[in-house]
Amino acid sequence: MLFHITIEKSEDGWYVVECPALPGCISQGKSEEEALSNIKEAINAWLWAEDKKSLH
């Protein structure tokens, strides 16, 4: 599954990434690479949590 993300560099130098298709799915990292890795984990966790909610 592919998701579009946004990435911005904050004033304090951190990279902030968001997946607009998944409400509240936001992460960050000290480098662009770290931020991208972190958002992949966040997307997987978001999808897992939604799957668990649909089972109940």
PDB file of N, CA and C in Angstrom:
ATOM      1  N   MET A   1       0.836  -1.167   0.000  1.00  0.00           N
ATOM      2  CA  MET A   1       0.000   0.000   0.000  1.00  0.00           C
ATOM      3  C   MET A   1       0.890   1.242   0.000  1.00  0.00           C
ATOM      4  N   LEU A   2       0.523   2.213  -0.816  1.00  0.00           N
ATOM      5  CA  LEU A   2       1.289   3.449  -0.895  1.00  0.00           C
ATOM      6  C   LEU A   2       0.488   4.599  -0.298  1.00  0.00           C
ATOM      7  N   PHE A   3       1.162   5.446   0.457  1.00  0.00           N
ATOM      8  CA  PHE A   3       0.548   6.623   1.043  1.00  0.00           C
ATOM      9  C   PHE A   3       1.394   7.831   0.706  1.00  0.00           C
ATOM     10  N   HIS A   4       0.735   8.931   0.405  1.00  0.00           N
ATOM     11  CA  HIS A   4       1.441  10.196   0.212  1.00  0.00           C
ATOM     12  C   HIS A   4       1.722  10.792   1.583  1.00  0.00           C
ATOM     13  N   ILE A   5       2.878  11.420   1.706  1.00  0.00           N
ATOM     14  CA  ILE A   5       3.238  12.084   2.956  1.00  0.00           C
ATOM     15  C   ILE A   5       3.698  13.502   2.657  1.00  0.00           C
ATOM     16  N   THR A   6       3.676  14.325   3.692  1.00  0.00           N
ATOM     17  CA  THR A   6       4.268  15.658   3.585  1.00  0.00           C
ATOM     18  C   THR A   6       5.457  15.683   4.534  1.00  0.00           C
ATOM     19  N   ILE A   7       6.470  16.452   4.172  1.00  0.00           N
ATOM     20  CA  ILE A   7       7.642  16.581   5.038  1.00  0.00           C
ATOM     21  C   ILE A   7       8.073  18.039   5.050  1.00  0.00           C
ATOM     22  N   GLU A   8       8.293  18.552   6.238  1.00  0.00           N
ATOM     23  CA  GLU A   8       8.724  19.933   6.407  1.00  0.00           C
ATOM     24  C   GLU A   8       9.827  19.983   7.451  1.00  0.00           C
ATOM     25  N   LYS A   9      10.720  20.924   7.281  1.00  0.00           N
ATOM     26  CA  LYS A   9      11.762  21.136   8.279  1.00  0.00           C
ATOM     27  C   LYS A   9      11.288  22.227   9.229  1.00  0.00           C
ATOM     28  N   SER A  10      11.231  21.911  10.511  1.00  0.00           N
ATOM     29  CA  SER A  10      10.749  22.872  11.500  1.00  0.00           C
ATOM     30  C   SER A  10      11.833  23.891  11.834  1.00  0.00           C
ATOM     31  N   GLU A  11      11.451  24.926  12.570  1.00  0.00           N
ATOM     32  CA  GLU A  11      12.387  25.979  12.940  1.00  0.00           C
ATOM     33  C   GLU A  11      13.538  25.462  13.797  1.00  0.00           C
ATOM     34  N   ASP A  12      13.270  24.389  14.561  1.00  0.00           N
ATOM     35  CA  ASP A  12      14.325  23.846  15.420  1.00  0.00           C
ATOM     36  C   ASP A  12      15.188  22.796  14.716  1.00  0.00           C
ATOM     37  N   GLY A  13      14.969  22.618  13.401  1.00  0.00           N
ATOM     38  CA  GLY A  13      15.826  21.736  12.617  1.00  0.00           C
ATOM     39  C   GLY A  13      15.330  20.307  12.456  1.00  0.00           C
ATOM     40  N   TRP A  14      14.240  19.954  13.123  1.00  0.00           N
ATOM     41  CA  TRP A  14      13.683  18.601  12.981  1.00  0.00           C
ATOM     42  C   TRP A  14      12.842  18.516  11.712  1.00  0.00           C
ATOM     43  N   TYR A  15      12.771  17.318  11.141  1.00  0.00           N
ATOM     44  CA  TYR A  15      11.905  17.073   9.997  1.00  0.00           C
ATOM     45  C   TYR A  15      10.600  16.482  10.514  1.00  0.00           C
ATOM     46  N   VAL A  16       9.495  17.114  10.149  1.00  0.00           N
ATOM     47  CA  VAL A  16       8.176  16.689  10.589  1.00  0.00           C
ATOM     48  C   VAL A  16       7.458  16.098   9.376  1.00  0.00           C
ATOM     49  N   VAL A  17       6.964  14.866   9.529  1.00  0.00           N
ATOM     50  CA  VAL A  17       6.273  14.187   8.429  1.00  0.00           C
ATOM     51  C   VAL A  17       4.867  13.821   8.855  1.00  0.00           C
ATOM     52  N   GLU A  18       3.963  13.884   7.880  1.00  0.00           N
ATOM     53  CA  GLU A  18       2.561  13.587   8.159  1.00  0.00           C
ATOM     54  C   GLU A  18       1.989  12.793   6.993  1.00  0.00           C
ATOM     55  N   CYS A  19       1.078  11.896   7.314  1.00  0.00           N
ATOM     56  CA  CYS A  19       0.352  11.149   6.293  1.00  0.00           C
ATOM     57  C   CYS A  19      -1.091  11.653   6.324  1.00  0.00           C
ATOM     58  N   PRO A  20      -1.433  12.604   5.443  1.00  0.00           N
ATOM     59  CA  PRO A  20      -2.756  13.228   5.482  1.00  0.00           C
ATOM     60  C   PRO A  20      -3.927  12.246   5.356  1.00  0.00           C
ATOM     61  N   ALA A  21      -3.739  11.130   4.693  1.00  0.00           N
ATOM     62  CA  ALA A  21      -4.819  10.150   4.519  1.00  0.00           C
ATOM     63  C   ALA A  21      -5.167   9.440   5.826  1.00  0.00           C
ATOM     64  N   LEU A  22      -4.261   9.501   6.810  1.00  0.00           N
ATOM     65  CA  LEU A  22      -4.470   8.820   8.086  1.00  0.00           C
ATOM     66  C   LEU A  22      -4.477   9.877   9.190  1.00  0.00           C
ATOM     67  N   PRO A  23      -5.655  10.296   9.641  1.00  0.00           N
ATOM     68  CA  PRO A  23      -5.747  11.370  10.635  1.00  0.00           C
ATOM     69  C   PRO A  23      -4.891  11.118  11.881  1.00  0.00           C
ATOM     70  N   GLY A  24      -4.073  12.099  12.207  1.00  0.00           N
ATOM     71  CA  GLY A  24      -3.225  12.006  13.394  1.00  0.00           C
ATOM     72  C   GLY A  24      -1.936  11.233  13.193  1.00  0.00           C
ATOM     73  N   CYS A  25      -1.677  10.770  11.991  1.00  0.00           N
ATOM     74  CA  CYS A  25      -0.462   9.991  11.723  1.00  0.00           C
ATOM     75  C   CYS A  25       0.672  10.961  11.384  1.00  0.00           C
ATOM     76  N   ILE A  26       1.432  11.305  12.414  1.00  0.00           N
ATOM     77  CA  ILE A  26       2.508  12.293  12.301  1.00  0.00           C
ATOM     78  C   ILE A  26       3.750  11.737  12.998  1.00  0.00           C
ATOM     79  N   SER A  27       4.908  12.060  12.468  1.00  0.00           N
ATOM     80  CA  SER A  27       6.158  11.664  13.117  1.00  0.00           C
ATOM     81  C   SER A  27       7.208  12.723  12.822  1.00  0.00           C
ATOM     82  N   GLN A  28       8.417  12.473  13.294  1.00  0.00           N
ATOM     83  CA  GLN A  28       9.509  13.421  13.074  1.00  0.00           C
ATOM     84  C   GLN A  28      10.840  12.698  13.145  1.00  0.00           C
ATOM     85  N   GLY A  29      11.894  13.392  12.789  1.00  0.00           N
ATOM     86  CA  GLY A  29      13.238  12.839  12.881  1.00  0.00           C
ATOM     87  C   GLY A  29      14.266  13.941  12.786  1.00  0.00           C
ATOM     88  N   LYS A  30      15.464  13.649  13.255  1.00  0.00           N
ATOM     89  CA  LYS A  30      16.555  14.631  13.200  1.00  0.00           C
ATOM     90  C   LYS A  30      17.078  14.809  11.773  1.00  0.00           C
ATOM     91  N   SER A  31      16.900  13.766  10.949  1.00  0.00           N
ATOM     92  CA  SER A  31      17.293  13.839   9.544  1.00  0.00           C
ATOM     93  C   SER A  31      16.087  13.415   8.700  1.00  0.00           C
ATOM     94  N   GLU A  32      16.154  13.717   7.420  1.00  0.00           N
ATOM     95  CA  GLU A  32      15.076  13.315   6.523  1.00  0.00           C
ATOM     96  C   GLU A  32      14.928  11.792   6.515  1.00  0.00           C
ATOM     97  N   GLU A  33      16.047  11.085   6.509  1.00  0.00           N
ATOM     98  CA  GLU A  33      16.018   9.627   6.488  1.00  0.00           C
ATOM     99  C   GLU A  33      15.359   9.069   7.751  1.00  0.00           C
ATOM    100  N   GLU A  34      15.711   9.640   8.899  1.00  0.00           N
ATOM    101  CA  GLU A  34      15.128   9.186  10.156  1.00  0.00           C
ATOM    102  C   GLU A  34      13.618   9.471  10.182  1.00  0.00           C
ATOM    103  N   ALA A  35      13.232  10.646   9.700  1.00  0.00           N
ATOM    104  CA  ALA A  35      11.817  11.008   9.668  1.00  0.00           C
ATOM    105  C   ALA A  35      11.034  10.054   8.775  1.00  0.00           C
ATOM    106  N   LEU A  36      11.582   9.700   7.619  1.00  0.00           N
ATOM    107  CA  LEU A  36      10.907   8.774   6.711  1.00  0.00           C
ATOM    108  C   LEU A  36      10.776   7.388   7.333  1.00  0.00           C
ATOM    109  N   SER A  37      11.808   6.932   7.998  1.00  0.00           N
ATOM    110  CA  SER A  37      11.750   5.652   8.685  1.00  0.00           C
ATOM    111  C   SER A  37      10.690   5.674   9.783  1.00  0.00           C
ATOM    112  N   ASN A  38      10.645   6.769  10.527  1.00  0.00           N
ATOM    113  CA  ASN A  38       9.690   6.894  11.623  1.00  0.00           C
ATOM    114  C   ASN A  38       8.245   6.958  11.127  1.00  0.00           C
ATOM    115  N   ILE A  39       7.999   7.628   9.993  1.00  0.00           N
ATOM    116  CA  ILE A  39       6.619   7.712   9.500  1.00  0.00           C
ATOM    117  C   ILE A  39       6.169   6.349   8.973  1.00  0.00           C
ATOM    118  N   LYS A  40       7.086   5.564   8.439  1.00  0.00           N
ATOM    119  CA  LYS A  40       6.719   4.208   8.006  1.00  0.00           C
ATOM    120  C   LYS A  40       6.243   3.390   9.204  1.00  0.00           C
ATOM    121  N   GLU A  41       6.953   3.498  10.312  1.00  0.00           N
ATOM    122  CA  GLU A  41       6.534   2.808  11.538  1.00  0.00           C
ATOM    123  C   GLU A  41       5.191   3.331  12.027  1.00  0.00           C
ATOM    124  N   ALA A  42       5.010   4.656  11.968  1.00  0.00           N
ATOM    125  CA  ALA A  42       3.765   5.268  12.426  1.00  0.00           C
ATOM    126  C   ALA A  42       2.582   4.814  11.563  1.00  0.00           C
ATOM    127  N   ILE A  43       2.785   4.726  10.256  1.00  0.00           N
ATOM    128  CA  ILE A  43       1.723   4.262   9.358  1.00  0.00           C
ATOM    129  C   ILE A  43       1.353   2.826   9.684  1.00  0.00           C
ATOM    130  N   ASN A  44       2.351   1.979   9.871  1.00  0.00           N
ATOM    131  CA  ASN A  44       2.070   0.574  10.221  1.00  0.00           C
ATOM    132  C   ASN A  44       1.311   0.473  11.533  1.00  0.00           C
ATOM    133  N   ALA A  45       1.710   1.265  12.522  1.00  0.00           N
ATOM    134  CA  ALA A  45       1.027   1.251  13.821  1.00  0.00           C
ATOM    135  C   ALA A  45      -0.400   1.769  13.685  1.00  0.00           C
ATOM    136  N   TRP A  46      -0.591   2.813  12.900  1.00  0.00           N
ATOM    137  CA  TRP A  46      -1.920   3.381  12.688  1.00  0.00           C
ATOM    138  C   TRP A  46      -2.835   2.333  12.063  1.00  0.00           C
ATOM    139  N   LEU A  47      -2.347   1.678  11.011  1.00  0.00           N
ATOM    140  CA  LEU A  47      -3.159   0.660  10.329  1.00  0.00           C
ATOM    141  C   LEU A  47      -3.461  -0.512  11.252  1.00  0.00           C
ATOM    142  N   TRP A  48      -2.501  -0.923  12.054  1.00  0.00           N
ATOM    143  CA  TRP A  48      -2.708  -2.008  13.005  1.00  0.00           C
ATOM    144  C   TRP A  48      -3.799  -1.634  14.007  1.00  0.00           C
ATOM    145  N   ALA A  49      -3.738  -0.421  14.539  1.00  0.00           N
ATOM    146  CA  ALA A  49      -4.728   0.032  15.525  1.00  0.00           C
ATOM    147  C   ALA A  49      -6.120   0.109  14.902  1.00  0.00           C
ATOM    148  N   GLU A  50      -6.228   0.588  13.681  1.00  0.00           N
ATOM    149  CA  GLU A  50      -7.527   0.646  13.013  1.00  0.00           C
ATOM    150  C   GLU A  50      -8.092  -0.751  12.774  1.00  0.00           C
ATOM    151  N   ASP A  51      -7.216  -1.678  12.415  1.00  0.00           N
ATOM    152  CA  ASP A  51      -7.634  -3.070  12.201  1.00  0.00           C
ATOM    153  C   ASP A  51      -8.187  -3.657  13.489  1.00  0.00           C
ATOM    154  N   LYS A  52      -7.523  -3.390  14.615  1.00  0.00           N
ATOM    155  CA  LYS A  52      -7.970  -3.902  15.917  1.00  0.00           C
ATOM    156  C   LYS A  52      -9.304  -3.292  16.301  1.00  0.00           C
ATOM    157  N   LYS A  53      -9.515  -2.000  16.000  1.00  0.00           N
ATOM    158  CA  LYS A  53     -10.782  -1.356  16.329  1.00  0.00           C
ATOM    159  C   LYS A  53     -11.936  -1.963  15.540  1.00  0.00           C
ATOM    160  N   SER A  54     -11.678  -2.339  14.291  1.00  0.00           N
ATOM    161  CA  SER A  54     -12.747  -2.875  13.440  1.00  0.00           C
ATOM    162  C   SER A  54     -13.150  -4.286  13.867  1.00  0.00           C
ATOM    163  N   LEU A  55     -12.321  -4.944  14.651  1.00  0.00           N
ATOM    164  CA  LEU A  55     -12.646  -6.302  15.114  1.00  0.00           C
ATOM    165  C   LEU A  55     -13.591  -6.280  16.296  1.00  0.00           C
ATOM    166  N   HIS A  56     -13.735  -5.141  16.950  1.00  0.00           N
ATOM    167  CA  HIS A  56     -14.596  -5.067  18.138  1.00  0.00           C
ATOM    168  C   HIS A  56     -15.874  -4.360  17.894  1.00  0.00           C
TER     169      HIS A  56
END
